[in-house]
Protein backbone atom coordinates (compact mmCIF):
# COMPACT_ATOMS: atom_id res chain seq x y z
CA MET A 1 0.01 0.03 -0.03
CA ARG A 2 2.91 2.40 0.84
CA LYS A 3 4.33 1.78 -2.69
CA ILE A 4 1.14 2.65 -4.34
CA PHE A 5 0.84 5.89 -2.20
CA THR A 6 4.48 6.78 -2.98
CA ALA A 7 3.94 6.23 -6.72
CA ALA A 8 0.70 8.31 -6.63
CA CYS A 9 2.56 11.19 -4.94
CA VAL A 10 5.39 11.10 -7.44
CA LEU A 11 2.97 11.15 -10.33
CA ALA A 12 0.97 14.04 -8.80
CA ILE A 13 4.11 16.14 -8.24
CA ALA A 14 5.26 15.40 -11.75
CA ALA A 15 1.94 16.50 -13.19
CA LEU A 16 2.06 19.72 -11.18
CA ALA A 17 5.64 20.44 -12.14
CA ALA A 18 5.19 19.94 -15.85
CA PRO A 19 3.52 23.27 -16.58
CA VAL A 20 6.20 25.06 -14.46
CA LEU A 21 8.97 23.35 -16.33
CA ALA A 22 7.47 24.14 -19.68
CA ALA A 23 7.08 27.76 -18.76
CA ASP A 24 10.76 27.89 -17.85
CA VAL A 25 11.81 26.97 -21.33
CA SER A 26 12.88 29.94 -23.37
CA PRO A 27 10.92 30.39 -26.68
CA THR A 28 13.95 29.99 -28.91
CA GLN A 29 13.93 28.28 -32.31
CA SER A 30 15.84 25.21 -33.12
CA LYS A 31 18.81 25.58 -35.42
CA ILE A 32 16.80 23.79 -38.11
CA ASP A 33 13.88 26.10 -37.91
CA ALA A 34 16.20 29.20 -37.86
CA SER A 35 18.08 28.10 -40.98
CA ALA A 36 14.91 27.32 -42.82
CA LYS A 37 13.64 30.74 -42.22
CA LYS A 38 16.89 32.28 -43.56
CA GLN A 39 16.54 30.51 -46.80
CA THR A 40 13.29 30.95 -48.63
CA TYR A 41 12.91 28.46 -51.48
CA PRO A 42 10.68 28.97 -54.55
CA LYS A 43 8.01 26.38 -55.32
CA VAL A 44 9.49 22.94 -55.82
CA VAL A 45 7.60 20.09 -57.57
CA LEU A 46 9.10 16.62 -57.80
CA TYR A 47 7.83 14.11 -60.30
CA SER A 48 8.92 10.74 -58.87
CA VAL A 49 8.14 7.07 -58.37
CA ALA A 50 8.38 5.17 -55.15
CA TRP A 51 11.11 2.66 -56.14
CA CYS A 52 13.51 5.16 -57.79
CA PRO A 53 16.76 5.58 -55.80
CA HIS A 54 17.41 9.08 -57.20
CA CYS A 55 13.82 10.14 -56.22
CA LYS A 56 14.37 8.91 -52.75
CA GLU A 57 17.67 10.85 -52.65
CA ALA A 58 15.90 13.96 -53.68
CA LYS A 59 13.04 13.52 -51.11
CA GLU A 60 15.62 12.86 -48.37
CA TYR A 61 17.55 15.98 -49.27
CA PHE A 62 14.50 18.15 -49.32
CA THR A 63 13.26 16.76 -46.03
CA THR A 64 16.57 17.02 -44.22
CA LYS A 65 17.08 20.62 -45.49
CA ASN A 66 13.46 21.58 -44.57
CA ILE A 67 12.80 22.39 -48.25
CA PRO A 68 9.04 22.44 -48.88
CA PHE A 69 8.13 20.42 -52.00
CA ILE A 70 5.28 18.84 -53.71
CA ASN A 71 5.74 15.20 -54.67
CA LYS A 72 3.80 13.85 -57.68
CA ASP A 73 4.16 10.09 -57.97
CA VAL A 74 3.65 9.44 -61.73
CA GLU A 75 2.76 5.82 -61.20
CA LEU A 76 -0.18 6.84 -58.91
CA ASP A 77 -1.28 9.95 -60.53
CA ALA A 78 -2.25 9.83 -64.28
CA THR A 79 -2.40 13.65 -64.51
CA ALA A 80 1.18 13.88 -63.16
CA MET A 81 2.33 11.31 -65.78
CA GLU A 82 0.65 13.32 -68.46
CA GLU A 83 2.34 16.55 -67.28
CA LEU A 84 5.68 14.80 -67.07
CA THR A 85 5.48 13.28 -70.60
CA LYS A 86 3.77 16.13 -72.48
CA LYS A 87 4.61 19.33 -70.80
CA TYR A 88 8.18 18.44 -69.64
CA LYS A 89 8.88 15.91 -72.43
CA SER A 90 10.34 13.34 -70.12
CA GLN A 91 9.98 9.60 -69.75
CA GLY A 92 12.24 9.36 -66.76
CA VAL A 93 12.28 10.49 -63.20
CA PRO A 94 13.15 12.43 -61.14
CA VAL A 95 12.07 15.59 -62.73
CA ILE A 96 12.21 18.65 -60.45
CA ILE A 97 10.45 21.90 -61.33
CA ILE A 98 11.78 24.99 -59.51
CA GLY A 99 9.64 28.11 -59.47
CA ASN A 100 7.48 28.28 -62.48
CA ASP A 101 9.79 27.17 -65.38
CA LYS A 102 13.23 25.85 -64.20
CA VAL A 103 13.33 22.11 -65.04
CA LEU A 104 15.94 19.70 -63.63
CA LYS A 105 16.08 16.22 -64.96
CA GLY A 106 17.75 13.98 -62.55
CA PHE A 107 19.00 15.05 -59.04
CA SER A 108 22.11 16.21 -57.46
CA PRO A 109 22.32 18.59 -54.43
CA GLU A 110 24.71 20.87 -56.30
CA ALA A 111 22.61 21.21 -59.41
CA PHE A 112 19.51 21.75 -57.39
CA GLU A 113 21.03 24.56 -55.25
CA LYS A 114 22.50 26.13 -58.40
CA ALA A 115 19.10 26.12 -60.11
CA VAL A 116 17.40 27.60 -56.92
CA LYS A 117 20.01 30.51 -56.93
CA GLU A 118 19.33 31.14 -60.66
CA VAL A 119 15.49 31.21 -60.08
CA GLN A 120 16.03 33.53 -57.01
CA SER A 121 18.22 35.84 -58.89
CA LYS A 122 15.49 36.40 -61.58
CA LYS A 123 13.14 37.86 -58.96
């Protein structure tokens, strides 16, 4: 009985202390959030398929760098496949659209960042 009472007291104290501890935390941003705010990216659309290693690399890169992007899986989305083949004249993936008109076929971090800078410099 004494163990149950002790456990209940510990839980009650922890519950009461949680709001106090949360209030003591300073409202600073994480390094990831801060760096994401410094770099504003143009619209990024990725045409991909689930099994493609280069598509996965692009998705991982965008995710780890907090780059917002729209993923269009051309195997699941017939409209996306039509856009890829007709508008961008490509049969392969990944194809990355940066801004409104910059088209990258394939993926490398260097080529992506270079293309982003080109699009940003046009603004």
